All heavy atoms as atom14 arrays in JSON, in Angstrom:
{
  "sequence": "MMQKIQPHIEEIQKKHKDDKEKQALEMMALWKEHKVNPFS",
  "atom14_mask": [
    [1, 1, 1, 1, 1, 1, 1, 1, 0, 0, 0, 0, 0, 0],
    [1, 1, 1, 1, 1, 1, 1, 1, 0, 0, 0, 0, 0, 0],
    [1, 1, 1, 1, 1, 1, 1, 1, 1, 0, 0, 0, 0, 0],
    [1, 1, 1, 1, 1, 1, 1, 1, 1, 0, 0, 0, 0, 0],
    [1, 1, 1, 1, 1, 1, 1, 1, 0, 0, 0, 0, 0, 0],
    [1, 1, 1, 1, 1, 1, 1, 1, 1, 0, 0, 0, 0, 0],
    [1, 1, 1, 1, 1, 1, 1, 0, 0, 0, 0, 0, 0, 0],
    [1, 1, 1, 1, 1, 1, 1, 1, 1, 1, 0, 0, 0, 0],
    [1, 1, 1, 1, 1, 1, 1, 1, 0, 0, 0, 0, 0, 0],
    [1, 1, 1, 1, 1, 1, 1, 1, 1, 0, 0, 0, 0, 0],
    [1, 1, 1, 1, 1, 1, 1, 1, 1, 0, 0, 0, 0, 0],
    [1, 1, 1, 1, 1, 1, 1, 1, 0, 0, 0, 0, 0, 0],
    [1, 1, 1, 1, 1, 1, 1, 1, 1, 0, 0, 0, 0, 0],
    [1, 1, 1, 1, 1, 1, 1, 1, 1, 0, 0, 0, 0, 0],
    [1, 1, 1, 1, 1, 1, 1, 1, 1, 0, 0, 0, 0, 0],
    [1, 1, 1, 1, 1, 1, 1, 1, 1, 1, 0, 0, 0, 0],
    [1, 1, 1, 1, 1, 1, 1, 1, 1, 0, 0, 0, 0, 0],
    [1, 1, 1, 1, 1, 1, 1, 1, 0, 0, 0, 0, 0, 0],
    [1, 1, 1, 1, 1, 1, 1, 1, 0, 0, 0, 0, 0, 0],
    [1, 1, 1, 1, 1, 1, 1, 1, 1, 0, 0, 0, 0, 0],
    [1, 1, 1, 1, 1, 1, 1, 1, 1, 0, 0, 0, 0, 0],
    [1, 1, 1, 1, 1, 1, 1, 1, 1, 0, 0, 0, 0, 0],
    [1, 1, 1, 1, 1, 1, 1, 1, 1, 0, 0, 0, 0, 0],
    [1, 1, 1, 1, 1, 0, 0, 0, 0, 0, 0, 0, 0, 0],
    [1, 1, 1, 1, 1, 1, 1, 1, 0, 0, 0, 0, 0, 0],
    [1, 1, 1, 1, 1, 1, 1, 1, 1, 0, 0, 0, 0, 0],
    [1, 1, 1, 1, 1, 1, 1, 1, 0, 0, 0, 0, 0, 0],
    [1, 1, 1, 1, 1, 1, 1, 1, 0, 0, 0, 0, 0, 0],
    [1, 1, 1, 1, 1, 0, 0, 0, 0, 0, 0, 0, 0, 0],
    [1, 1, 1, 1, 1, 1, 1, 1, 0, 0, 0, 0, 0, 0],
    [1, 1, 1, 1, 1, 1, 1, 1, 1, 1, 1, 1, 1, 1],
    [1, 1, 1, 1, 1, 1, 1, 1, 1, 0, 0, 0, 0, 0],
    [1, 1, 1, 1, 1, 1, 1, 1, 1, 0, 0, 0, 0, 0],
    [1, 1, 1, 1, 1, 1, 1, 1, 1, 1, 0, 0, 0, 0],
    [1, 1, 1, 1, 1, 1, 1, 1, 1, 0, 0, 0, 0, 0],
    [1, 1, 1, 1, 1, 1, 1, 0, 0, 0, 0, 0, 0, 0],
    [1, 1, 1, 1, 1, 1, 1, 1, 0, 0, 0, 0, 0, 0],
    [1, 1, 1, 1, 1, 1, 1, 0, 0, 0, 0, 0, 0, 0],
    [1, 1, 1, 1, 1, 1, 1, 1, 1, 1, 1, 0, 0, 0],
    [1, 1, 1, 1, 1, 1, 0, 0, 0, 0, 0, 0, 0, 0]
  ],
  "atom14_positions": [
    [[-11.05, -2.32, 6.38], [-10.58, -1.94, 5.05], [-9.12, -2.35, 4.86], [-8.73, -2.77, 3.76], [-10.73, -0.43, 4.85], [-12.15, 0.03, 4.57], [-12.88, -0.74, 3.08], [-11.72, -0.19, 1.82], [0.0, 0.0, 0.0], [0.0, 0.0, 0.0], [0.0, 0.0, 0.0], [0.0, 0.0, 0.0], [0.0, 0.0, 0.0], [0.0, 0.0, 0.0]],
    [[-8.32, -2.24, 5.91], [-6.93, -2.66, 5.83], [-6.84, -4.16, 5.54], [-5.98, -4.62, 4.79], [-6.18, -2.33, 7.13], [-5.87, -0.85, 7.3], [-4.68, -0.21, 6.09], [-3.18, -1.03, 6.64], [0.0, 0.0, 0.0], [0.0, 0.0, 0.0], [0.0, 0.0, 0.0], [0.0, 0.0, 0.0], [0.0, 0.0, 0.0], [0.0, 0.0, 0.0]],
    [[-7.76, -4.92, 6.14], [-7.82, -6.35, 5.85], [-8.17, -6.59, 4.38], [-7.59, -7.46, 3.72], [-8.87, -7.03, 6.74], [-8.45, -7.21, 8.18], [-9.55, -7.9, 8.98], [-10.72, -7.56, 8.88], [-9.16, -8.88, 9.76], [0.0, 0.0, 0.0], [0.0, 0.0, 0.0], [0.0, 0.0, 0.0], [0.0, 0.0, 0.0], [0.0, 0.0, 0.0]],
    [[-9.13, -5.83, 3.89], [-9.62, -6.03, 2.52], [-8.55, -5.72, 1.48], [-8.45, -6.42, 0.45], [-10.86, -5.16, 2.28], [-11.5, -5.39, 0.92], [-12.8, -4.63, 0.78], [-13.46, -4.95, -0.57], [-14.76, -4.28, -0.72], [0.0, 0.0, 0.0], [0.0, 0.0, 0.0], [0.0, 0.0, 0.0], [0.0, 0.0, 0.0], [0.0, 0.0, 0.0]],
    [[-7.76, -4.67, 1.7], [-6.76, -4.28, 0.7], [-5.41, -4.95, 0.94], [-4.44, -4.66, 0.23], [-6.58, -2.74, 0.67], [-5.96, -2.23, 1.98], [-7.9, -2.05, 0.37], [-5.63, -0.74, 1.96], [0.0, 0.0, 0.0], [0.0, 0.0, 0.0], [0.0, 0.0, 0.0], [0.0, 0.0, 0.0], [0.0, 0.0, 0.0], [0.0, 0.0, 0.0]],
    [[-5.34, -5.85, 1.94], [-4.08, -6.52, 2.24], [-3.46, -7.21, 1.02], [-2.24, -7.11, 0.81], [-4.28, -7.54, 3.37], [-2.99, -8.17, 3.89], [-2.01, -7.16, 4.44], [-2.41, -6.15, 5.03], [-0.73, -7.4, 4.25], [0.0, 0.0, 0.0], [0.0, 0.0, 0.0], [0.0, 0.0, 0.0], [0.0, 0.0, 0.0], [0.0, 0.0, 0.0]],
    [[-4.24, -7.9, 0.17], [-3.63, -8.51, -1.02], [-2.97, -7.48, -1.94], [-1.91, -7.76, -2.52], [-4.83, -9.16, -1.73], [-5.8, -9.43, -0.63], [-5.66, -8.28, 0.3], [0.0, 0.0, 0.0], [0.0, 0.0, 0.0], [0.0, 0.0, 0.0], [0.0, 0.0, 0.0], [0.0, 0.0, 0.0], [0.0, 0.0, 0.0], [0.0, 0.0, 0.0]],
    [[-3.56, -6.28, -2.04], [-2.97, -5.22, -2.87], [-1.67, -4.71, -2.23], [-0.71, -4.4, -2.94], [-3.95, -4.06, -3.02], [-5.24, -4.44, -3.69], [-5.31, -4.82, -5.01], [-6.5, -4.52, -3.2], [-6.56, -5.11, -5.32], [-7.31, -4.93, -4.25], [0.0, 0.0, 0.0], [0.0, 0.0, 0.0], [0.0, 0.0, 0.0], [0.0, 0.0, 0.0]],
    [[-1.67, -4.64, -0.91], [-0.46, -4.2, -0.2], [0.67, -5.19, -0.43], [1.81, -4.8, -0.72], [-0.75, -4.06, 1.32], [-1.73, -2.91, 1.56], [0.55, -3.84, 2.09], [-2.17, -2.78, 3.01], [0.0, 0.0, 0.0], [0.0, 0.0, 0.0], [0.0, 0.0, 0.0], [0.0, 0.0, 0.0], [0.0, 0.0, 0.0], [0.0, 0.0, 0.0]],
    [[0.36, -6.47, -0.33], [1.37, -7.51, -0.56], [1.89, -7.47, -1.99], [3.09, -7.66, -2.25], [0.77, -8.88, -0.26], [0.43, -9.1, 1.2], [-0.3, -10.42, 1.45], [-0.25, -11.3, 0.57], [-0.94, -10.55, 2.51], [0.0, 0.0, 0.0], [0.0, 0.0, 0.0], [0.0, 0.0, 0.0], [0.0, 0.0, 0.0], [0.0, 0.0, 0.0]],
    [[0.99, -7.19, -2.93], [1.39, -7.1, -4.35], [2.36, -5.95, -4.57], [3.36, -6.08, -5.29], [0.14, -6.92, -5.21], [0.42, -6.92, -6.7], [-0.84, -6.73, -7.53], [-1.94, -7.03, -7.01], [-0.71, -6.28, -8.68], [0.0, 0.0, 0.0], [0.0, 0.0, 0.0], [0.0, 0.0, 0.0], [0.0, 0.0, 0.0], [0.0, 0.0, 0.0]],
    [[2.06, -4.8, -3.95], [2.95, -3.64, -4.07], [4.3, -3.92, -3.44], [5.36, -3.59, -4.0], [2.3, -2.4, -3.41], [1.08, -1.95, -4.22], [3.3, -1.25, -3.28], [0.27, -0.85, -3.55], [0.0, 0.0, 0.0], [0.0, 0.0, 0.0], [0.0, 0.0, 0.0], [0.0, 0.0, 0.0], [0.0, 0.0, 0.0], [0.0, 0.0, 0.0]],
    [[4.29, -4.54, -2.26], [5.55, -4.86, -1.57], [6.41, -5.81, -2.39], [7.64, -5.69, -2.43], [5.24, -5.46, -0.2], [4.65, -4.47, 0.79], [4.19, -5.11, 2.07], [3.86, -6.31, 2.1], [4.14, -4.34, 3.15], [0.0, 0.0, 0.0], [0.0, 0.0, 0.0], [0.0, 0.0, 0.0], [0.0, 0.0, 0.0], [0.0, 0.0, 0.0]],
    [[5.76, -6.76, -3.05], [6.49, -7.74, -3.87], [7.0, -7.1, -5.16], [8.14, -7.33, -5.59], [5.57, -8.91, -4.2], [6.26, -10.03, -4.97], [5.29, -11.19, -5.2], [5.97, -12.32, -5.97], [5.04, -13.46, -6.2], [0.0, 0.0, 0.0], [0.0, 0.0, 0.0], [0.0, 0.0, 0.0], [0.0, 0.0, 0.0], [0.0, 0.0, 0.0]],
    [[6.15, -6.26, -5.76], [6.48, -5.63, -7.05], [7.63, -4.64, -6.91], [8.48, -4.53, -7.81], [5.24, -4.93, -7.59], [5.44, -4.27, -8.95], [4.13, -3.62, -9.4], [4.3, -2.92, -10.75], [3.03, -2.26, -11.18], [0.0, 0.0, 0.0], [0.0, 0.0, 0.0], [0.0, 0.0, 0.0], [0.0, 0.0, 0.0], [0.0, 0.0, 0.0]],
    [[7.67, -3.92, -5.8], [8.69, -2.88, -5.61], [9.59, -3.18, -4.4], [9.94, -2.27, -3.65], [8.02, -1.52, -5.43], [7.14, -1.11, -6.57], [7.62, -0.79, -7.81], [5.78, -1.01, -6.66], [6.62, -0.46, -8.62], [5.49, -0.6, -7.94], [0.0, 0.0, 0.0], [0.0, 0.0, 0.0], [0.0, 0.0, 0.0], [0.0, 0.0, 0.0]],
    [[9.93, -4.44, -4.23], [10.73, -4.83, -3.06], [12.13, -4.21, -3.08], [12.76, -4.05, -2.03], [10.84, -6.34, -2.97], [11.53, -7.0, -4.16], [11.57, -8.51, -3.97], [12.24, -9.2, -5.16], [12.29, -10.67, -4.98], [0.0, 0.0, 0.0], [0.0, 0.0, 0.0], [0.0, 0.0, 0.0], [0.0, 0.0, 0.0], [0.0, 0.0, 0.0]],
    [[12.59, -3.81, -4.27], [13.93, -3.22, -4.37], [13.89, -1.7, -4.51], [14.92, -1.06, -4.67], [14.68, -3.82, -5.57], [14.91, -5.31, -5.43], [15.19, -5.75, -4.29], [14.79, -6.04, -6.43], [0.0, 0.0, 0.0], [0.0, 0.0, 0.0], [0.0, 0.0, 0.0], [0.0, 0.0, 0.0], [0.0, 0.0, 0.0], [0.0, 0.0, 0.0]],
    [[12.68, -1.14, -4.48], [12.52, 0.32, -4.61], [11.57, 0.8, -3.5], [10.36, 0.9, -3.7], [11.98, 0.67, -5.99], [12.01, 2.18, -6.27], [12.11, 2.96, -5.3], [11.91, 2.56, -7.44], [0.0, 0.0, 0.0], [0.0, 0.0, 0.0], [0.0, 0.0, 0.0], [0.0, 0.0, 0.0], [0.0, 0.0, 0.0], [0.0, 0.0, 0.0]],
    [[12.13, 1.09, -2.35], [11.32, 1.47, -1.19], [10.56, 2.77, -1.4], [9.44, 2.94, -0.89], [12.21, 1.59, 0.07], [12.91, 0.3, 0.45], [11.89, -0.8, 0.78], [12.57, -2.09, 1.2], [11.59, -3.19, 1.46], [0.0, 0.0, 0.0], [0.0, 0.0, 0.0], [0.0, 0.0, 0.0], [0.0, 0.0, 0.0], [0.0, 0.0, 0.0]],
    [[11.16, 3.69, -2.15], [10.48, 4.97, -2.39], [9.23, 4.76, -3.25], [8.16, 5.29, -2.95], [11.44, 5.94, -3.09], [10.83, 7.32, -3.3], [11.81, 8.31, -3.92], [13.01, 7.96, -4.03], [11.36, 9.41, -4.31], [0.0, 0.0, 0.0], [0.0, 0.0, 0.0], [0.0, 0.0, 0.0], [0.0, 0.0, 0.0], [0.0, 0.0, 0.0]],
    [[9.36, 3.98, -4.32], [8.23, 3.68, -5.2], [7.16, 2.9, -4.42], [5.95, 3.12, -4.58], [8.71, 2.87, -6.4], [7.63, 2.52, -7.41], [7.1, 3.74, -8.14], [6.13, 3.35, -9.24], [5.56, 4.52, -9.92], [0.0, 0.0, 0.0], [0.0, 0.0, 0.0], [0.0, 0.0, 0.0], [0.0, 0.0, 0.0], [0.0, 0.0, 0.0]],
    [[7.63, 1.99, -3.58], [6.71, 1.19, -2.76], [5.89, 2.09, -1.84], [4.67, 1.93, -1.72], [7.51, 0.17, -1.94], [6.66, -0.77, -1.12], [7.5, -1.71, -0.26], [7.43, -1.67, 0.98], [8.29, -2.55, -0.9], [0.0, 0.0, 0.0], [0.0, 0.0, 0.0], [0.0, 0.0, 0.0], [0.0, 0.0, 0.0], [0.0, 0.0, 0.0]],
    [[6.57, 3.04, -1.19], [5.89, 3.95, -0.27], [4.87, 4.83, -1.0], [3.75, 5.05, -0.5], [6.91, 4.82, 0.45], [0.0, 0.0, 0.0], [0.0, 0.0, 0.0], [0.0, 0.0, 0.0], [0.0, 0.0, 0.0], [0.0, 0.0, 0.0], [0.0, 0.0, 0.0], [0.0, 0.0, 0.0], [0.0, 0.0, 0.0], [0.0, 0.0, 0.0]],
    [[5.23, 5.31, -2.19], [4.33, 6.16, -2.96], [3.07, 5.41, -3.38], [1.95, 5.94, -3.31], [5.05, 6.71, -4.2], [6.12, 7.78, -3.94], [6.87, 8.11, -5.22], [5.49, 9.05, -3.35], [0.0, 0.0, 0.0], [0.0, 0.0, 0.0], [0.0, 0.0, 0.0], [0.0, 0.0, 0.0], [0.0, 0.0, 0.0], [0.0, 0.0, 0.0]],
    [[3.23, 4.17, -3.83], [2.07, 3.38, -4.26], [1.21, 2.97, -3.07], [-0.01, 2.87, -3.19], [2.53, 2.14, -5.04], [3.1, 2.47, -6.4], [2.93, 1.34, -7.4], [2.16, 0.39, -7.12], [3.57, 1.41, -8.47], [0.0, 0.0, 0.0], [0.0, 0.0, 0.0], [0.0, 0.0, 0.0], [0.0, 0.0, 0.0], [0.0, 0.0, 0.0]],
    [[1.84, 2.74, -1.93], [1.09, 2.41, -0.72], [0.24, 3.6, -0.3], [-0.94, 3.44, 0.05], [2.05, 2.02, 0.41], [2.78, 0.72, 0.18], [1.85, -0.73, 0.69], [2.21, -0.75, 2.42], [0.0, 0.0, 0.0], [0.0, 0.0, 0.0], [0.0, 0.0, 0.0], [0.0, 0.0, 0.0], [0.0, 0.0, 0.0], [0.0, 0.0, 0.0]],
    [[0.82, 4.8, -0.35], [0.09, 6.0, 0.04], [-1.08, 6.24, -0.92], [-2.17, 6.65, -0.5], [1.03, 7.21, 0.05], [2.04, 7.19, 1.19], [3.21, 8.56, 1.13], [2.13, 9.94, 1.43], [0.0, 0.0, 0.0], [0.0, 0.0, 0.0], [0.0, 0.0, 0.0], [0.0, 0.0, 0.0], [0.0, 0.0, 0.0], [0.0, 0.0, 0.0]],
    [[-0.85, 5.96, -2.21], [-1.92, 6.12, -3.2], [-3.04, 5.12, -2.95], [-4.23, 5.45, -3.09], [-1.35, 5.93, -4.6], [0.0, 0.0, 0.0], [0.0, 0.0, 0.0], [0.0, 0.0, 0.0], [0.0, 0.0, 0.0], [0.0, 0.0, 0.0], [0.0, 0.0, 0.0], [0.0, 0.0, 0.0], [0.0, 0.0, 0.0], [0.0, 0.0, 0.0]],
    [[-2.67, 3.91, -2.57], [-3.67, 2.87, -2.26], [-4.49, 3.26, -1.05], [-5.73, 3.13, -1.05], [-2.96, 1.53, -2.02], [-3.87, 0.33, -1.68], [-4.73, -0.04, -2.88], [-3.02, -0.86, -1.24], [0.0, 0.0, 0.0], [0.0, 0.0, 0.0], [0.0, 0.0, 0.0], [0.0, 0.0, 0.0], [0.0, 0.0, 0.0], [0.0, 0.0, 0.0]],
    [[-3.83, 3.74, 0.01], [-4.54, 4.17, 1.22], [-5.5, 5.32, 0.91], [-6.63, 5.36, 1.4], [-3.54, 4.61, 2.29], [-2.69, 3.48, 2.81], [-3.0, 2.15, 2.82], [-1.4, 3.6, 3.39], [-1.97, 1.42, 3.36], [-0.97, 2.28, 3.73], [-0.53, 4.65, 3.65], [0.27, 2.01, 4.33], [0.7, 4.39, 4.25], [1.09, 3.08, 4.58]],
    [[-5.03, 6.26, 0.06], [-5.86, 7.4, -0.3], [-7.08, 6.95, -1.11], [-8.2, 7.45, -0.9], [-5.03, 8.41, -1.1], [-5.79, 9.69, -1.42], [-4.89, 10.69, -2.15], [-5.66, 11.97, -2.46], [-4.79, 12.96, -3.16], [0.0, 0.0, 0.0], [0.0, 0.0, 0.0], [0.0, 0.0, 0.0], [0.0, 0.0, 0.0], [0.0, 0.0, 0.0]],
    [[-6.86, 6.02, -2.03], [-7.96, 5.52, -2.88], [-9.06, 4.88, -2.05], [-10.25, 5.07, -2.31], [-7.4, 4.5, -3.88], [-8.47, 3.9, -4.78], [-7.94, 2.77, -5.65], [-6.69, 2.59, -5.69], [-8.76, 2.08, -6.29], [0.0, 0.0, 0.0], [0.0, 0.0, 0.0], [0.0, 0.0, 0.0], [0.0, 0.0, 0.0], [0.0, 0.0, 0.0]],
    [[-8.67, 4.13, -1.03], [-9.65, 3.42, -0.2], [-9.98, 4.17, 1.09], [-10.66, 3.63, 1.96], [-9.13, 2.02, 0.13], [-9.04, 1.11, -1.07], [-10.13, 0.39, -1.52], [-8.01, 0.83, -1.9], [-9.76, -0.31, -2.59], [-8.5, -0.07, -2.84], [0.0, 0.0, 0.0], [0.0, 0.0, 0.0], [0.0, 0.0, 0.0], [0.0, 0.0, 0.0]],
    [[-9.46, 5.41, 1.2], [-9.72, 6.26, 2.37], [-9.34, 5.56, 3.67], [-10.12, 5.48, 4.63], [-11.19, 6.68, 2.4], [-11.61, 7.48, 1.18], [-13.08, 7.84, 1.22], [-13.5, 8.61, -0.02], [-14.95, 8.96, 0.0], [0.0, 0.0, 0.0], [0.0, 0.0, 0.0], [0.0, 0.0, 0.0], [0.0, 0.0, 0.0], [0.0, 0.0, 0.0]],
    [[-8.13, 5.03, 3.68], [-7.62, 4.29, 4.83], [-6.46, 5.06, 5.46], [-5.6, 5.58, 4.76], [-7.13, 2.88, 4.4], [-6.39, 2.2, 5.54], [-8.31, 2.03, 3.97], [0.0, 0.0, 0.0], [0.0, 0.0, 0.0], [0.0, 0.0, 0.0], [0.0, 0.0, 0.0], [0.0, 0.0, 0.0], [0.0, 0.0, 0.0], [0.0, 0.0, 0.0]],
    [[-6.46, 5.12, 6.79], [-5.35, 5.72, 7.53], [-4.72, 4.63, 8.39], [-5.32, 4.2, 9.37], [-5.84, 6.87, 8.4], [-4.71, 7.52, 9.19], [-3.56, 7.11, 9.12], [-5.05, 8.55, 9.95], [0.0, 0.0, 0.0], [0.0, 0.0, 0.0], [0.0, 0.0, 0.0], [0.0, 0.0, 0.0], [0.0, 0.0, 0.0], [0.0, 0.0, 0.0]],
    [[-3.53, 4.16, 8.04], [-2.91, 3.07, 8.8], [-2.58, 3.43, 10.25], [-2.31, 2.55, 11.06], [-1.63, 2.77, 8.01], [-1.34, 4.04, 7.28], [-2.68, 4.63, 6.94], [0.0, 0.0, 0.0], [0.0, 0.0, 0.0], [0.0, 0.0, 0.0], [0.0, 0.0, 0.0], [0.0, 0.0, 0.0], [0.0, 0.0, 0.0], [0.0, 0.0, 0.0]],
    [[-2.62, 4.71, 10.57], [-2.3, 5.16, 11.93], [-3.55, 5.49, 12.74], [-3.45, 6.0, 13.85], [-1.38, 6.39, 11.87], [-0.14, 6.18, 11.05], [-0.02, 6.78, 9.81], [0.89, 5.38, 11.5], [1.12, 6.59, 9.03], [2.03, 5.17, 10.74], [2.15, 5.78, 9.5], [0.0, 0.0, 0.0], [0.0, 0.0, 0.0], [0.0, 0.0, 0.0]],
    [[-4.73, 5.22, 12.18], [-5.97, 5.59, 12.87], [-6.15, 4.84, 14.19], [-6.75, 5.36, 15.13], [-7.18, 5.36, 11.97], [-7.38, 3.98, 11.73], [0.0, 0.0, 0.0], [0.0, 0.0, 0.0], [0.0, 0.0, 0.0], [0.0, 0.0, 0.0], [0.0, 0.0, 0.0], [0.0, 0.0, 0.0], [0.0, 0.0, 0.0], [0.0, 0.0, 0.0]]
  ]
}
């Protein structure tokens, strides 16, 4: 699943490259939406 959503992760990183807090919030929302735990 992490492989599948990688393009979305890259998009978020690019979109909020100057706002790390916003980037982290959107990343967490993306992980929650796809039921992914990056630390699993």
